[in-house]
Amino acid sequence: MKFATALALGTLALTASAAPTTSNSNSNSNSNSKSASQTKYIAPAFSHAARGQRPSVSAHPHKPFKAFPTFPQRTKTCTVKSLGSGKDDSSNILSAFHSCNNGGHVIFSPNTTYTIGTAMDWTFLNSIDIDIQGTIKFTDNTTYWQANSFKYGFQNATSFFKLGGNDVFIYGGGELDGSGQAWYDLYAQDIYILRPVLIGIDGLKNSIISDLVLRYSPMYYHFVANASNVVFNNLDISGFSASANVAKNTDGWDTYRSEYVTIQSSVINNGDDCVSFKPNSTNMVVQDLWCNGSHGISVGSLGQYVGEYDIVENILVTDISMHNASDGARIKVWPNSPSALSGDLQGGGGDGRVNNVTYSNFLLDNVDYAIEVTQCYGQSNLTLCAEYPSPLTISNVNFYNFTGTTSTKYDPLIATLECSSATVCSNITATDINVLSPKGYHNATCLYMDDSKLNVTCTDVKLTL
């Protein structure tokens, strides 16, 4: 089923605000060094709803698979008191959440910095507004957080706090600061440390996170696990390293075992996936994003764990402006044998399916590959992938209306579309691909693909054992 029939193509405007701006900072793309300020495409300006007022959030430009959540009026107000001078405000925050839970409005005051130095479980939240007008800053006590942050059991993900519950609206125009520099420097010394994500979600339902500034996450900016009907809107994400130690794995969003998630109208400056659909991500819409310095918008990686069956299904990604990135749209699958991408990221041997995924309306600027499909993720040794082809199927995937230019890295190639065998991929199309390499080429490597459905000049790849 194509998205033209699966989705109603809405024209509702985003009434809360335009997408946010970016601070100028060096890109962490593996092959590009242009900064956001150097690109010819300028990020839109950040604005937010009036202080103390809920933003009005609507679908733009497409409607999601499930209607946005709505929220009743709250009947009680709680203002969080800051102790100041870098003292831990965690107990005051928890007290306000408990006092105003089930129908209240919690306010983090403007021009105030709140310090969090204690891991907190917020999965009890219900029918609550969290209005962040000030700054929430997490301590850089890397020893404490490694021992006490919440562990998810997937790709070493941990979090400062665990956000869950039902009917939660978080907004305010304020800032969350993950004090990432200490983590960037420590990770350069020891790749096995556990780095917290800035916003860790576990079990959140019927909720919206909107109108916030997110800075300097140690790892992913969002890890969205076991969530349903959650909207992310009008977020300003950025945070690069001030030292020679690169801020790595700073994905904008990773979704995992979640459904009906909408991500829209945001600006992301980071050093890894702008958005990544991890295992069992279904019925999702990602739209109207400006991404800089990233690894693109990715399905996967999938097939990482032996015995697991990963599903990514019913996904629409549309109206994306992608700059100074390694990829535009990407599907990445591990081979059918345990292997290592790096010491702290290993995998392979899993199964699953990718089905009904559409990437449309991409504007590309200095991107290494406009499109990448690989079932040899984590391996430079193609022989291993040929010997152990992934069984994970990829079907009904459409890349549509891509424009712009690639970087010089793979010139004359603009894309790579490679499946593990002739039986696992079906109905993969690429139409209206108006992307050229710097030398004016339109070429792609293609393996086990129906070339007639691909609007690129295919160069076949032959794998030998």
Protein backbone atom coordinates (compact mmCIF):
# COMPACT_ATOMS: atom_id res chain seq x y z
CA MET A 1 0.00 0.00 0.00
CA LYS A 2 1.44 3.37 -0.98
CA PHE A 3 1.37 6.36 1.32
CA ALA A 4 -0.70 8.37 -1.13
CA THR A 5 -3.60 6.17 -0.11
CA ALA A 6 -2.45 5.31 3.41
CA LEU A 7 -2.20 8.92 4.57
CA ALA A 8 -4.48 11.89 4.19
CA LEU A 9 -2.30 14.67 2.85
CA GLY A 10 -3.08 17.48 5.24
CA THR A 11 -2.30 21.16 4.68
CA LEU A 12 -2.65 22.32 8.28
CA ALA A 13 -0.14 24.99 9.25
CA LEU A 14 2.02 24.65 12.35
CA THR A 15 0.41 27.23 14.57
CA ALA A 16 2.86 26.98 17.45
CA SER A 17 5.85 28.43 15.66
CA ALA A 18 8.26 28.04 12.82
CA ALA A 19 11.10 25.55 13.05
CA PRO A 20 14.01 26.65 15.25
CA THR A 21 17.34 28.10 14.33
CA THR A 22 20.76 26.61 14.82
CA SER A 23 23.87 27.87 16.50
CA ASN A 24 26.90 27.88 14.22
CA SER A 25 29.22 25.01 15.04
CA ASN A 26 31.48 22.55 13.29
CA SER A 27 29.82 19.59 11.63
CA ASN A 28 30.73 16.11 12.85
CA SER A 29 30.04 14.38 9.52
CA ASN A 30 32.66 11.74 8.78
CA SER A 31 33.63 13.33 5.49
CA ASN A 32 32.46 16.92 5.54
CA SER A 33 33.68 19.93 7.46
CA LYS A 34 31.33 22.70 6.40
CA SER A 35 29.46 24.33 9.23
CA ALA A 36 25.82 25.30 9.29
CA SER A 37 26.81 28.93 8.76
CA GLN A 38 28.70 28.04 5.58
CA THR A 39 25.93 26.18 3.82
CA LYS A 40 23.86 28.00 1.23
CA TYR A 41 20.65 26.80 2.88
CA ILE A 42 19.91 28.70 6.07
CA ALA A 43 18.07 27.10 8.98
CA PRO A 44 14.75 28.73 9.86
CA ALA A 45 14.51 30.92 12.93
CA PHE A 46 13.50 29.48 16.31
CA SER A 47 10.45 30.86 18.03
CA HIS A 48 8.07 29.50 20.63
CA ALA A 49 4.69 30.13 22.15
CA ALA A 50 4.31 32.87 24.76
CA ARG A 51 5.77 32.01 28.15
CA GLY A 52 3.37 30.10 30.32
CA GLN A 53 1.08 29.18 27.43
CA ARG A 54 0.72 25.84 25.79
CA PRO A 55 1.81 25.86 22.15
CA SER A 56 -0.84 24.89 19.64
CA VAL A 57 0.56 21.88 17.76
CA SER A 58 -0.93 20.54 14.54
CA ALA A 59 0.19 18.12 11.84
CA HIS A 60 2.28 19.69 9.08
CA PRO A 61 2.41 19.05 6.18
CA HIS A 62 0.98 15.49 6.45
CA LYS A 63 -1.37 13.92 8.92
CA PRO A 64 0.06 11.09 11.03
CA PHE A 65 -1.35 7.57 11.28
CA LYS A 66 -3.09 8.46 14.53
CA ALA A 67 -4.66 11.75 15.66
CA PHE A 68 -2.53 14.00 17.84
CA PRO A 69 -3.28 13.76 21.56
CA THR A 70 -5.42 16.45 23.20
CA PHE A 71 -5.13 17.65 26.77
CA PRO A 72 -7.69 18.82 29.33
CA GLN A 73 -7.08 22.03 31.27
CA ARG A 74 -4.94 21.62 34.37
CA THR A 75 -6.38 22.73 37.70
CA LYS A 76 -3.30 23.25 39.86
CA THR A 77 0.04 25.05 39.47
CA CYS A 78 3.37 24.09 41.04
CA THR A 79 6.52 26.19 40.60
CA VAL A 80 9.82 24.38 41.03
CA LYS A 81 12.20 26.12 43.43
CA SER A 82 15.88 26.23 42.48
CA LEU A 83 18.47 25.96 45.24
CA GLY A 84 20.99 27.84 43.08
CA SER A 85 24.80 27.69 43.09
CA GLY A 86 24.79 24.35 41.26
CA LYS A 87 23.07 22.51 44.11
CA ASP A 88 21.04 19.45 43.18
CA ASP A 89 17.38 20.40 42.57
CA SER A 90 16.22 16.83 41.94
CA SER A 91 14.19 16.49 45.14
CA ASN A 92 12.36 19.77 44.45
CA ILE A 93 11.57 18.62 40.91
CA LEU A 94 10.20 15.28 42.07
CA SER A 95 8.13 17.00 44.76
CA ALA A 96 6.55 19.34 42.19
CA PHE A 97 5.80 16.46 39.84
CA HIS A 98 4.07 14.49 42.58
CA SER A 99 2.14 17.51 43.84
CA CYS A 100 0.86 18.50 40.40
CA ASN A 101 0.42 15.05 38.93
CA ASN A 102 -3.10 14.07 37.82
CA GLY A 103 -4.21 17.46 36.57
CA GLY A 104 -1.55 20.09 37.33
CA HIS A 105 0.88 22.49 35.65
CA VAL A 106 4.55 22.44 36.74
CA ILE A 107 6.60 25.56 35.96
CA PHE A 108 10.39 25.84 35.72
CA SER A 109 10.82 29.60 36.07
CA PRO A 110 12.44 31.76 33.37
CA ASN A 111 15.99 33.08 33.85
CA THR A 112 16.64 30.26 36.32
CA THR A 113 19.04 27.33 36.10
CA TYR A 114 18.00 24.05 37.69
CA THR A 115 20.69 21.46 38.38
CA ILE A 116 20.00 17.72 38.19
CA GLY A 117 22.56 15.45 39.81
CA THR A 118 20.35 12.48 40.69
CA ALA A 119 18.80 9.87 38.40
CA MET A 120 15.00 10.10 38.56
CA ASP A 121 12.16 7.82 37.47
CA TRP A 122 9.36 9.92 35.95
CA THR A 123 7.28 7.05 34.56
CA PHE A 124 4.45 7.80 37.03
CA LEU A 125 3.39 11.02 35.26
CA ASN A 126 -0.27 11.40 34.33
CA SER A 127 -2.33 14.35 33.05
CA ILE A 128 0.37 16.95 33.65
CA ASP A 129 1.89 19.98 31.90
CA ILE A 130 5.64 20.50 32.38
CA ASP A 131 6.45 24.08 31.43
CA ILE A 132 10.23 24.51 31.12
CA GLN A 133 10.93 28.24 30.78
CA GLY A 134 14.36 28.20 32.40
CA THR A 135 17.39 25.92 31.94
CA ILE A 136 17.75 22.36 33.24
CA LYS A 137 21.41 21.39 33.43
CA PHE A 138 22.67 17.90 34.23
CA THR A 139 25.88 17.58 36.24
CA ASP A 140 29.03 16.30 34.55
CA ASN A 141 29.72 13.73 37.30
CA THR A 142 30.48 10.95 34.83
CA THR A 143 31.28 8.44 37.58
CA TYR A 144 27.88 8.90 39.27
CA TRP A 145 25.86 8.77 36.06
CA GLN A 146 27.56 5.64 34.76
CA ALA A 147 26.66 3.85 37.98
CA ASN A 148 23.14 5.22 38.41
CA SER A 149 21.61 6.14 35.03
CA PHE A 150 18.76 4.01 33.70
CA LYS A 151 19.85 1.18 31.40
CA TYR A 152 17.77 0.11 28.40
CA GLY A 153 19.64 -3.02 27.31
CA PHE A 154 19.98 -1.81 23.71
CA GLN A 155 23.19 -0.48 22.19
CA ASN A 156 24.51 0.65 25.59
CA ALA A 157 21.76 3.27 25.91
CA THR A 158 21.23 4.80 29.35
CA SER A 159 19.41 7.96 30.47
CA PHE A 160 19.60 10.71 33.11
CA PHE A 161 15.89 10.27 33.81
CA LYS A 162 13.19 7.90 32.60
CA LEU A 163 10.12 9.66 31.20
CA GLY A 164 6.84 7.74 30.99
CA GLY A 165 3.16 7.91 31.76
CA ASN A 166 0.10 9.22 29.93
CA ASP A 167 -1.25 12.63 28.90
CA VAL A 168 2.01 14.56 29.40
CA PHE A 169 2.66 17.90 27.64
CA ILE A 170 6.21 19.28 27.91
CA TYR A 171 7.01 22.73 26.44
CA GLY A 172 8.08 26.23 27.49
CA GLY A 173 10.90 27.50 25.25
CA GLY A 174 13.57 26.65 27.84
CA GLU A 175 16.72 24.56 27.53
CA LEU A 176 17.98 21.12 28.57
CA ASP A 177 21.79 20.97 28.79
CA GLY A 178 23.47 17.55 29.05
CA SER A 179 26.97 18.87 29.93
CA GLY A 180 28.25 16.74 27.09
CA GLN A 181 31.84 17.98 26.87
CA ALA A 182 33.00 15.87 29.82
CA TRP A 183 31.48 12.85 28.08
CA TYR A 184 32.99 13.61 24.67
CA ASP A 185 36.44 13.81 26.25
CA LEU A 186 35.96 10.69 28.40
CA TYR A 187 34.65 8.62 25.48
CA ALA A 188 37.79 9.48 23.53
CA GLN A 189 39.74 7.76 26.32
CA ASP A 190 37.40 4.79 26.88
CA ILE A 191 34.81 3.70 24.30
CA TYR A 192 33.15 1.36 26.81
CA ILE A 193 31.74 4.05 29.08
CA LEU A 194 27.95 4.33 29.41
CA ARG A 195 26.83 7.73 28.16
CA PRO A 196 23.32 8.94 29.08
CA VAL A 197 20.87 10.17 26.47
CA LEU A 198 19.42 13.62 27.13
CA ILE A 199 15.74 12.58 27.03
CA GLY A 200 15.13 8.93 27.84
CA ILE A 201 11.57 7.73 27.28
CA ASP A 202 10.13 4.43 28.48
CA GLY A 203 6.39 3.83 28.22
CA LEU A 204 5.19 7.36 27.36
CA LYS A 205 1.74 7.52 25.74
CA ASN A 206 -0.55 10.21 24.29
CA SER A 207 1.94 13.01 24.91
CA ILE A 208 3.67 15.96 23.22
CA ILE A 209 7.16 17.43 23.64
CA SER A 210 7.43 20.82 21.93
CA ASP A 211 9.18 24.21 21.92
CA LEU A 212 12.44 23.30 23.67
CA VAL A 213 16.15 23.89 23.13
CA LEU A 214 18.34 20.79 23.57
CA ARG A 215 22.09 21.12 23.95
CA TYR A 216 25.20 18.95 24.49
CA SER A 217 23.75 15.50 24.95
CA PRO A 218 26.39 12.92 25.91
CA MET A 219 24.83 10.43 23.47
CA TYR A 220 21.43 10.37 21.66
CA TYR A 221 19.22 13.41 22.22
CA HIS A 222 16.11 11.22 22.41
CA PHE A 223 15.73 7.49 23.01
CA VAL A 224 12.04 6.71 22.51
CA ALA A 225 11.28 3.23 23.88
CA ASN A 226 7.93 1.49 24.42
CA ALA A 227 6.05 4.65 23.45
CA SER A 228 2.73 5.17 21.66
CA ASN A 229 1.15 8.28 20.11
CA VAL A 230 3.92 10.71 21.04
CA VAL A 231 4.62 13.94 19.12
CA PHE A 232 7.94 15.83 18.97
CA ASN A 233 7.52 19.33 17.59
CA ASN A 234 9.54 22.53 17.17
CA LEU A 235 12.78 21.41 18.83
CA ASP A 236 16.17 23.10 18.44
CA ILE A 237 18.94 20.51 18.77
CA SER A 238 22.67 21.26 18.69
CA GLY A 239 25.82 20.51 20.61
CA PHE A 240 29.27 19.92 19.21
CA SER A 241 32.55 19.36 21.01
CA ALA A 242 34.78 22.29 21.92
CA SER A 243 37.84 20.01 21.94
CA ALA A 244 39.45 17.71 19.39
CA ASN A 245 37.31 14.87 20.78
CA VAL A 246 34.27 14.56 18.56
CA ALA A 247 30.73 14.34 19.99
CA LYS A 248 29.83 10.87 18.74
CA ASN A 249 26.53 8.93 18.52
CA THR A 250 24.51 12.10 19.11
CA ASP A 251 21.44 10.91 17.19
CA GLY A 252 18.52 13.33 17.18
CA TRP A 253 15.95 10.59 17.80
CA ASP A 254 16.15 6.82 18.10
CA THR A 255 12.80 5.03 18.25
CA TYR A 256 12.61 1.51 19.68
CA ARG A 257 9.63 -0.77 20.25
CA SER A 258 7.34 2.21 19.67
CA GLU A 259 4.38 3.10 17.46
CA TYR A 260 2.50 6.18 16.25
CA VAL A 261 5.38 8.60 16.77
CA THR A 262 5.46 11.94 14.92
CA ILE A 263 8.64 14.03 14.66
CA GLN A 264 8.25 17.38 12.91
CA SER A 265 9.26 21.00 12.37
CA SER A 266 12.66 20.93 14.04
CA VAL A 267 16.32 21.76 13.41
CA ILE A 268 19.02 19.24 14.22
CA ASN A 269 22.78 19.89 14.22
CA ASN A 270 24.52 16.70 15.30
CA GLY A 271 27.09 14.04 14.51
CA ASP A 272 25.04 10.90 13.85
CA ASP A 273 21.60 9.93 12.57
CA CYS A 274 19.17 12.83 12.40
CA VAL A 275 16.44 10.23 13.09
CA SER A 276 16.87 6.47 13.38
CA PHE A 277 14.13 3.84 13.42
CA LYS A 278 15.47 1.07 15.61
CA PRO A 279 13.82 -2.39 15.95
CA ASN A 280 10.03 -2.54 16.12
CA SER A 281 9.29 1.04 15.08
CA THR A 282 5.92 1.18 13.31
CA ASN A 283 3.39 3.72 12.02
CA MET A 284 5.60 6.80 12.18
CA VAL A 285 5.75 10.17 10.41
CA VAL A 286 8.90 12.31 10.25
CA GLN A 287 8.45 15.62 8.42
CA ASP A 288 9.66 19.17 7.98
CA LEU A 289 13.18 18.76 9.43
CA TRP A 290 16.40 20.68 8.78
CA CYS A 291 19.37 18.36 9.48
CA ASN A 292 23.04 19.35 9.42
CA GLY A 293 26.20 17.27 9.93
CA SER A 294 24.32 14.02 10.44
CA HIS A 295 24.28 10.46 9.09
CA GLY A 296 20.89 11.03 7.52
CA ILE A 297 17.50 9.57 8.39
CA SER A 298 17.94 5.86 8.88
CA VAL A 299 16.03 2.64 9.14
CA GLY A 300 18.17 0.61 11.52
CA SER A 301 20.53 -0.63 12.21
CA LEU A 302 18.55 -3.89 12.19
CA GLY A 303 19.48 -7.56 12.56
CA GLN A 304 22.01 -6.79 15.26
CA TYR A 305 21.01 -9.41 17.82
CA VAL A 306 20.86 -13.18 17.24
CA GLY A 307 17.38 -14.56 17.88
CA GLU A 308 15.63 -11.18 17.54
CA TYR A 309 13.10 -10.41 14.78
CA ASP A 310 13.22 -6.68 14.01
CA ILE A 311 10.31 -4.88 12.35
CA VAL A 312 10.24 -1.39 10.85
CA GLU A 313 6.96 -0.86 9.03
CA ASN A 314 4.63 1.90 7.82
CA ILE A 315 7.04 4.83 7.88
CA LEU A 316 6.73 8.18 6.08
CA VAL A 317 9.72 10.55 5.96
CA THR A 318 9.04 13.71 3.98
CA ASP A 319 10.04 17.33 3.45
CA ILE A 320 13.61 17.01 4.70
CA SER A 321 16.45 19.49 4.18
CA MET A 322 19.73 17.56 4.63
CA HIS A 323 23.14 19.28 4.74
CA ASN A 324 26.78 18.23 5.17
CA ALA A 325 25.83 14.65 5.96
CA SER A 326 27.09 11.15 5.22
CA ASP A 327 23.64 10.09 3.94
CA GLY A 328 20.25 11.47 3.00
CA ALA A 329 18.01 8.40 3.34
CA ARG A 330 19.48 5.16 4.61
CA ILE A 331 18.52 1.55 5.41
CA LYS A 332 21.21 -0.35 7.31
CA VAL A 333 21.14 -4.05 8.16
CA TRP A 334 23.80 -6.26 9.77
CA PRO A 335 25.02 -9.41 7.97
CA ASN A 336 23.87 -12.84 9.14
CA SER A 337 26.96 -13.42 11.23
CA PRO A 338 28.29 -11.75 14.39
CA SER A 339 30.70 -8.99 13.47
CA ALA A 340 32.02 -5.73 14.85
CA LEU A 341 31.63 -2.16 13.65
CA SER A 342 33.68 -0.98 16.63
CA GLY A 343 34.61 -2.30 20.05
CA ASP A 344 31.46 -0.93 21.65
CA LEU A 345 29.13 -1.70 18.72
CA GLN A 346 28.93 -5.30 17.57
CA GLY A 347 26.22 -7.46 16.10
CA GLY A 348 24.80 -9.49 13.26
CA GLY A 349 22.81 -12.68 12.85
CA GLY A 350 19.34 -11.27 13.47
CA ASP A 351 16.23 -11.45 11.29
CA GLY A 352 13.23 -9.24 10.54
CA ARG A 353 11.53 -7.10 7.92
CA VAL A 354 11.38 -3.56 6.58
CA ASN A 355 8.09 -2.87 4.85
CA ASN A 356 6.11 0.09 3.49
CA VAL A 357 8.63 2.88 3.92
CA THR A 358 8.53 6.12 1.93
CA TYR A 359 11.24 8.78 1.76
CA SER A 360 10.03 11.80 -0.23
CA ASN A 361 10.86 15.44 -0.92
CA PHE A 362 14.51 15.55 0.15
CA LEU A 363 16.69 18.60 -0.51
CA LEU A 364 20.35 17.54 -0.34
CA ASP A 365 23.43 19.72 0.03
CA ASN A 366 26.95 18.23 0.30
CA VAL A 367 25.72 14.75 1.25
CA ASP A 368 27.99 11.74 0.59
CA TYR A 369 25.22 9.37 -0.52
CA ALA A 370 21.74 10.64 -1.37
CA ILE A 371 20.42 7.11 -0.77
CA GLU A 372 22.08 4.14 0.89
CA VAL A 373 20.66 0.64 1.27
CA THR A 374 23.07 -1.88 2.77
CA GLN A 375 22.78 -5.31 4.34
CA CYS A 376 26.49 -5.33 5.08
CA TYR A 377 26.44 -2.76 7.89
CA GLY A 378 29.56 -2.74 10.02
CA GLN A 379 31.70 -4.61 7.50
CA SER A 380 34.35 -3.44 5.10
CA ASN A 381 34.88 -7.12 4.23
CA LEU A 382 32.22 -7.77 1.56
CA THR A 383 33.21 -11.44 1.43
CA LEU A 384 31.77 -12.01 4.90
CA CYS A 385 28.46 -10.47 3.84
CA ALA A 386 28.37 -12.64 0.72
CA GLU A 387 29.07 -15.76 2.77
CA TYR A 388 26.50 -14.86 5.42
CA PRO A 389 23.74 -12.91 3.62
CA SER A 390 21.15 -11.29 5.84
CA PRO A 391 17.71 -12.97 5.81
CA LEU A 392 15.99 -9.70 6.75
CA THR A 393 13.53 -8.71 4.01
CA ILE A 394 13.16 -5.21 2.58
CA SER A 395 9.96 -4.59 0.62
CA ASN A 396 7.74 -1.77 -0.64
CA VAL A 397 10.28 1.00 -0.16
CA ASN A 398 10.01 4.17 -2.23
CA PHE A 399 12.53 6.99 -2.57
CA TYR A 400 10.81 9.89 -4.32
CA ASN A 401 11.66 13.46 -5.36
CA PHE A 402 15.26 13.91 -4.25
CA THR A 403 17.07 17.04 -5.43
CA GLY A 404 20.47 18.62 -4.84
CA THR A 405 24.14 17.64 -4.89
CA THR A 406 26.35 15.08 -3.22
CA SER A 407 29.82 15.64 -1.79
CA THR A 408 33.05 14.68 -3.54
CA LYS A 409 33.59 11.58 -1.37
CA TYR A 410 32.07 8.98 -3.70
CA ASP A 411 31.96 10.96 -6.95
CA PRO A 412 30.76 9.79 -9.52
CA LEU A 413 28.38 7.81 -7.26
CA ILE A 414 25.37 9.50 -5.70
CA ALA A 415 23.85 6.38 -4.12
CA THR A 416 24.36 2.74 -3.22
CA LEU A 417 21.51 0.22 -3.21
CA GLU A 418 22.71 -3.24 -2.26
CA CYS A 419 20.70 -6.20 -0.97
CA SER A 420 22.18 -9.38 0.47
CA SER A 421 20.54 -11.79 -1.98
CA ALA A 422 18.05 -12.01 -4.83
CA THR A 423 15.25 -13.22 -2.54
CA VAL A 424 15.13 -10.67 0.31
CA CYS A 425 14.37 -7.39 -1.51
CA SER A 426 11.24 -6.59 -3.50
CA ASN A 427 9.50 -3.52 -4.89
CA ILE A 428 12.21 -1.00 -4.07
CA THR A 429 11.75 2.09 -6.24
CA ALA A 430 13.64 5.35 -6.68
CA THR A 431 11.79 7.91 -8.81
CA ASP A 432 12.44 11.57 -9.61
CA ILE A 433 15.99 11.37 -8.25
CA ASN A 434 17.35 14.71 -9.47
CA VAL A 435 20.68 14.55 -7.64
CA LEU A 436 24.08 15.00 -9.21
CA SER A 437 27.62 14.47 -8.01
CA PRO A 438 29.98 17.49 -8.17
CA LYS A 439 31.23 16.22 -11.54
CA GLY A 440 27.69 15.93 -12.86
CA TYR A 441 27.15 12.17 -12.56
CA HIS A 442 24.00 10.27 -11.55
CA ASN A 443 25.52 6.85 -10.81
CA ALA A 444 24.83 4.25 -8.14
CA THR A 445 26.08 0.82 -7.17
CA CYS A 446 23.22 -1.68 -7.36
CA LEU A 447 23.12 -5.28 -6.11
CA TYR A 448 20.15 -7.65 -6.35
CA MET A 449 17.90 -4.76 -7.37
CA ASP A 450 15.41 -4.32 -10.19
CA ASP A 451 17.30 -1.61 -12.07
CA SER A 452 14.21 -0.69 -14.07
CA LYS A 453 12.61 0.74 -10.92
CA LEU A 454 15.60 2.91 -10.06
CA ASN A 455 15.98 6.41 -11.52
CA VAL A 456 19.79 6.26 -11.27
CA THR A 457 22.49 4.88 -13.53
CA CYS A 458 23.25 1.51 -11.98
CA THR A 459 26.68 -0.07 -11.81
CA ASP A 460 26.20 -3.69 -10.76
CA VAL A 461 28.26 -5.05 -7.89
CA LYS A 462 29.45 -8.66 -7.92
CA LEU A 463 30.29 -10.35 -4.60
CA THR A 464 32.51 -13.41 -4.72
CA LEU A 465 33.20 -15.94 -1.96
